[in-house]
Amino acid sequence: MKAVEPPAVGFALDGDADRLAVVLPGGELVSQEEVLEKLRHALGGKEVRADGEGGYLFPWHLPEKDPFLAALLLLQVLL
């Protein structure tokens, strides 16, 4: 995450794109517990679950993990 102006947040997906890591400037990883807390805040009461390996599930949305929705929701609360 090198740039003239550091980005506010970075997102990384695993090889099959079902897990998400959140990286802050300087390379600091956001813990899965903190990501889950921020997702719950962004959703305002809708259910979200974590699988403990970086996957986030939104049962009201899809039956599979959706790191792309998680990243979009996190943008609301991290920026």
N, C-alpha and C. Protein backbone atom coordinates (compact mmCIF):
# COMPACT_ATOMS: atom_id res chain seq x y z
N MET A 1 0.83 -1.19 0.00
CA MET A 1 0.00 0.00 0.00
C MET A 1 0.88 1.25 0.00
N LYS A 2 1.69 1.36 -1.01
CA LYS A 2 2.53 2.54 -1.14
C LYS A 2 1.88 3.50 -2.14
N ALA A 3 1.90 4.76 -1.80
CA ALA A 3 1.36 5.79 -2.69
C ALA A 3 1.88 7.14 -2.21
N VAL A 4 1.72 8.14 -3.06
CA VAL A 4 2.09 9.49 -2.66
C VAL A 4 1.22 9.90 -1.48
N GLU A 5 -0.07 9.66 -1.60
CA GLU A 5 -0.99 9.87 -0.49
C GLU A 5 -1.47 8.49 -0.07
N PRO A 6 -1.22 8.09 1.15
CA PRO A 6 -1.64 6.74 1.55
C PRO A 6 -3.15 6.57 1.45
N PRO A 7 -3.59 5.41 1.00
CA PRO A 7 -5.03 5.16 0.97
C PRO A 7 -5.57 5.06 2.39
N ALA A 8 -6.85 5.31 2.54
CA ALA A 8 -7.48 5.26 3.86
C ALA A 8 -7.67 3.83 4.33
N VAL A 9 -7.86 2.90 3.40
CA VAL A 9 -8.10 1.50 3.74
C VAL A 9 -7.80 0.64 2.51
N GLY A 10 -7.39 -0.59 2.76
CA GLY A 10 -7.16 -1.53 1.67
C GLY A 10 -7.89 -2.82 1.96
N PHE A 11 -8.31 -3.51 0.91
CA PHE A 11 -9.01 -4.78 1.05
C PHE A 11 -8.24 -5.84 0.28
N ALA A 12 -8.10 -7.01 0.86
CA ALA A 12 -7.43 -8.13 0.20
C ALA A 12 -8.34 -9.35 0.27
N LEU A 13 -8.45 -10.06 -0.84
CA LEU A 13 -9.24 -11.28 -0.91
C LEU A 13 -8.30 -12.47 -1.06
N ASP A 14 -8.77 -13.63 -0.61
CA ASP A 14 -7.99 -14.84 -0.83
C ASP A 14 -8.17 -15.31 -2.27
N GLY A 15 -7.54 -16.41 -2.62
CA GLY A 15 -7.52 -16.89 -4.00
C GLY A 15 -8.88 -17.18 -4.61
N ASP A 16 -9.82 -17.72 -3.82
CA ASP A 16 -11.15 -18.00 -4.39
C ASP A 16 -12.17 -16.94 -4.00
N ALA A 17 -11.69 -15.83 -3.47
CA ALA A 17 -12.51 -14.64 -3.19
C ALA A 17 -13.70 -14.91 -2.28
N ASP A 18 -13.46 -15.67 -1.19
CA ASP A 18 -14.55 -15.83 -0.22
C ASP A 18 -14.14 -15.34 1.17
N ARG A 19 -12.92 -14.81 1.28
CA ARG A 19 -12.46 -14.26 2.55
C ARG A 19 -11.88 -12.88 2.33
N LEU A 20 -11.98 -12.05 3.36
CA LEU A 20 -11.59 -10.65 3.25
C LEU A 20 -10.64 -10.28 4.39
N ALA A 21 -9.59 -9.55 4.06
CA ALA A 21 -8.71 -8.94 5.05
C ALA A 21 -8.78 -7.43 4.84
N VAL A 22 -8.78 -6.70 5.93
CA VAL A 22 -8.84 -5.24 5.88
C VAL A 22 -7.51 -4.70 6.39
N VAL A 23 -6.90 -3.83 5.59
CA VAL A 23 -5.57 -3.30 5.89
C VAL A 23 -5.65 -1.78 5.98
N LEU A 24 -5.10 -1.25 7.06
CA LEU A 24 -5.04 0.20 7.26
C LEU A 24 -3.70 0.72 6.77
N PRO A 25 -3.55 2.03 6.60
CA PRO A 25 -2.27 2.58 6.17
C PRO A 25 -1.14 2.10 7.09
N GLY A 26 -0.01 1.83 6.50
CA GLY A 26 1.12 1.31 7.26
C GLY A 26 1.12 -0.20 7.35
N GLY A 27 0.11 -0.83 6.78
CA GLY A 27 0.05 -2.29 6.77
C GLY A 27 -0.61 -2.92 7.98
N GLU A 28 -1.23 -2.12 8.83
CA GLU A 28 -1.89 -2.67 10.02
C GLU A 28 -3.17 -3.41 9.62
N LEU A 29 -3.25 -4.69 10.02
CA LEU A 29 -4.45 -5.48 9.74
C LEU A 29 -5.52 -5.20 10.79
N VAL A 30 -6.75 -5.09 10.35
CA VAL A 30 -7.89 -4.94 11.27
C VAL A 30 -8.33 -6.35 11.66
N SER A 31 -8.49 -6.59 12.96
CA SER A 31 -8.86 -7.93 13.43
C SER A 31 -10.26 -8.31 12.92
N GLN A 32 -10.49 -9.60 12.82
CA GLN A 32 -11.80 -10.07 12.35
C GLN A 32 -12.90 -9.66 13.31
N GLU A 33 -12.60 -9.61 14.60
CA GLU A 33 -13.60 -9.18 15.57
C GLU A 33 -13.99 -7.72 15.36
N GLU A 34 -13.00 -6.89 15.07
CA GLU A 34 -13.28 -5.48 14.81
C GLU A 34 -14.04 -5.29 13.50
N VAL A 35 -13.68 -6.07 12.48
CA VAL A 35 -14.40 -6.00 11.21
C VAL A 35 -15.86 -6.38 11.43
N LEU A 36 -16.10 -7.46 12.17
CA LEU A 36 -17.47 -7.89 12.45
C LEU A 36 -18.24 -6.81 13.22
N GLU A 37 -17.60 -6.19 14.18
CA GLU A 37 -18.24 -5.10 14.94
C GLU A 37 -18.61 -3.94 14.02
N LYS A 38 -17.71 -3.57 13.12
CA LYS A 38 -17.98 -2.47 12.20
C LYS A 38 -19.07 -2.83 11.19
N LEU A 39 -19.10 -4.09 10.77
CA LEU A 39 -20.17 -4.53 9.88
C LEU A 39 -21.53 -4.45 10.58
N ARG A 40 -21.57 -4.88 11.82
CA ARG A 40 -22.83 -4.80 12.57
C ARG A 40 -23.28 -3.35 12.71
N HIS A 41 -22.32 -2.46 12.93
CA HIS A 41 -22.65 -1.04 13.03
C HIS A 41 -23.21 -0.52 11.70
N ALA A 42 -22.57 -0.90 10.60
CA ALA A 42 -23.00 -0.44 9.28
C ALA A 42 -24.39 -0.97 8.93
N LEU A 43 -24.71 -2.16 9.40
CA LEU A 43 -25.99 -2.78 9.04
C LEU A 43 -27.13 -2.36 9.95
N GLY A 44 -26.83 -1.79 11.10
CA GLY A 44 -27.88 -1.29 11.98
C GLY A 44 -28.91 -2.33 12.38
N GLY A 45 -28.48 -3.54 12.70
CA GLY A 45 -29.41 -4.53 13.21
C GLY A 45 -29.61 -5.75 12.32
N LYS A 46 -29.26 -5.65 11.04
CA LYS A 46 -29.38 -6.84 10.18
C LYS A 46 -28.29 -7.84 10.57
N GLU A 47 -28.60 -9.11 10.37
CA GLU A 47 -27.69 -10.17 10.80
C GLU A 47 -26.46 -10.26 9.91
N VAL A 48 -25.31 -10.44 10.56
CA VAL A 48 -24.05 -10.73 9.89
C VAL A 48 -23.29 -11.69 10.80
N ARG A 49 -22.64 -12.69 10.19
CA ARG A 49 -21.86 -13.66 10.94
C ARG A 49 -20.48 -13.77 10.33
N ALA A 50 -19.52 -14.14 11.17
CA ALA A 50 -18.15 -14.38 10.70
C ALA A 50 -17.85 -15.86 10.88
N ASP A 51 -17.06 -16.41 9.96
CA ASP A 51 -16.72 -17.83 10.05
C ASP A 51 -15.42 -18.08 10.79
N GLY A 52 -14.76 -17.02 11.27
CA GLY A 52 -13.51 -17.17 12.01
C GLY A 52 -12.28 -17.27 11.12
N GLU A 53 -12.47 -17.26 9.81
CA GLU A 53 -11.35 -17.36 8.88
C GLU A 53 -11.34 -16.21 7.88
N GLY A 54 -12.06 -15.15 8.18
CA GLY A 54 -12.11 -14.00 7.28
C GLY A 54 -13.30 -13.98 6.35
N GLY A 55 -14.22 -14.92 6.52
CA GLY A 55 -15.43 -14.94 5.72
C GLY A 55 -16.58 -14.30 6.48
N TYR A 56 -17.39 -13.54 5.79
CA TYR A 56 -18.53 -12.85 6.41
C TYR A 56 -19.79 -13.24 5.66
N LEU A 57 -20.79 -13.66 6.44
CA LEU A 57 -22.04 -14.15 5.87
C LEU A 57 -23.18 -13.21 6.22
N PHE A 58 -24.01 -12.97 5.22
CA PHE A 58 -25.19 -12.12 5.36
C PHE A 58 -26.39 -12.98 4.97
N PRO A 59 -26.99 -13.71 5.93
CA PRO A 59 -28.04 -14.69 5.61
C PRO A 59 -29.24 -14.10 4.88
N TRP A 60 -29.51 -12.85 5.06
CA TRP A 60 -30.64 -12.19 4.40
C TRP A 60 -30.31 -11.82 2.95
N HIS A 61 -29.04 -11.99 2.57
CA HIS A 61 -28.57 -11.59 1.23
C HIS A 61 -28.25 -12.79 0.35
N LEU A 62 -27.29 -13.61 0.77
CA LEU A 62 -26.86 -14.79 0.01
C LEU A 62 -26.54 -15.92 0.99
N PRO A 63 -26.66 -17.18 0.56
CA PRO A 63 -26.30 -18.28 1.46
C PRO A 63 -24.77 -18.49 1.56
N GLU A 64 -23.98 -17.85 0.69
CA GLU A 64 -22.53 -17.98 0.71
C GLU A 64 -21.89 -16.74 1.31
N LYS A 65 -20.61 -16.85 1.65
CA LYS A 65 -19.84 -15.71 2.15
C LYS A 65 -19.75 -14.66 1.04
N ASP A 66 -19.82 -13.40 1.43
CA ASP A 66 -19.78 -12.32 0.45
C ASP A 66 -18.80 -11.23 0.90
N PRO A 67 -17.51 -11.37 0.56
CA PRO A 67 -16.54 -10.37 0.97
C PRO A 67 -16.71 -9.05 0.23
N PHE A 68 -17.33 -9.07 -0.94
CA PHE A 68 -17.53 -7.82 -1.69
C PHE A 68 -18.56 -6.94 -1.00
N LEU A 69 -19.66 -7.52 -0.53
CA LEU A 69 -20.63 -6.75 0.23
C LEU A 69 -20.01 -6.25 1.53
N ALA A 70 -19.22 -7.10 2.18
CA ALA A 70 -18.55 -6.69 3.42
C ALA A 70 -17.66 -5.48 3.16
N ALA A 71 -16.89 -5.50 2.08
CA ALA A 71 -15.99 -4.38 1.77
C ALA A 71 -16.78 -3.10 1.51
N LEU A 72 -17.87 -3.19 0.77
CA LEU A 72 -18.68 -2.00 0.50
C LEU A 72 -19.28 -1.43 1.78
N LEU A 73 -19.76 -2.31 2.66
CA LEU A 73 -20.31 -1.84 3.93
C LEU A 73 -19.25 -1.21 4.80
N LEU A 74 -18.06 -1.79 4.79
CA LEU A 74 -16.97 -1.24 5.61
C LEU A 74 -16.54 0.14 5.14
N LEU A 75 -16.65 0.39 3.85
CA LEU A 75 -16.31 1.73 3.35
C LEU A 75 -17.15 2.81 4.02
N GLN A 76 -18.39 2.48 4.33
CA GLN A 76 -19.29 3.44 4.99
C GLN A 76 -18.77 3.86 6.35
N VAL A 77 -18.19 2.92 7.09
CA VAL A 77 -17.80 3.22 8.46
C VAL A 77 -16.32 3.50 8.63
N LEU A 78 -15.50 3.16 7.65
CA LEU A 78 -14.05 3.38 7.78
C LEU A 78 -13.58 4.68 7.13
N LEU A 79 -14.37 5.20 6.21
CA LEU A 79 -13.95 6.44 5.54
C LEU A 79 -14.67 7.64 6.09
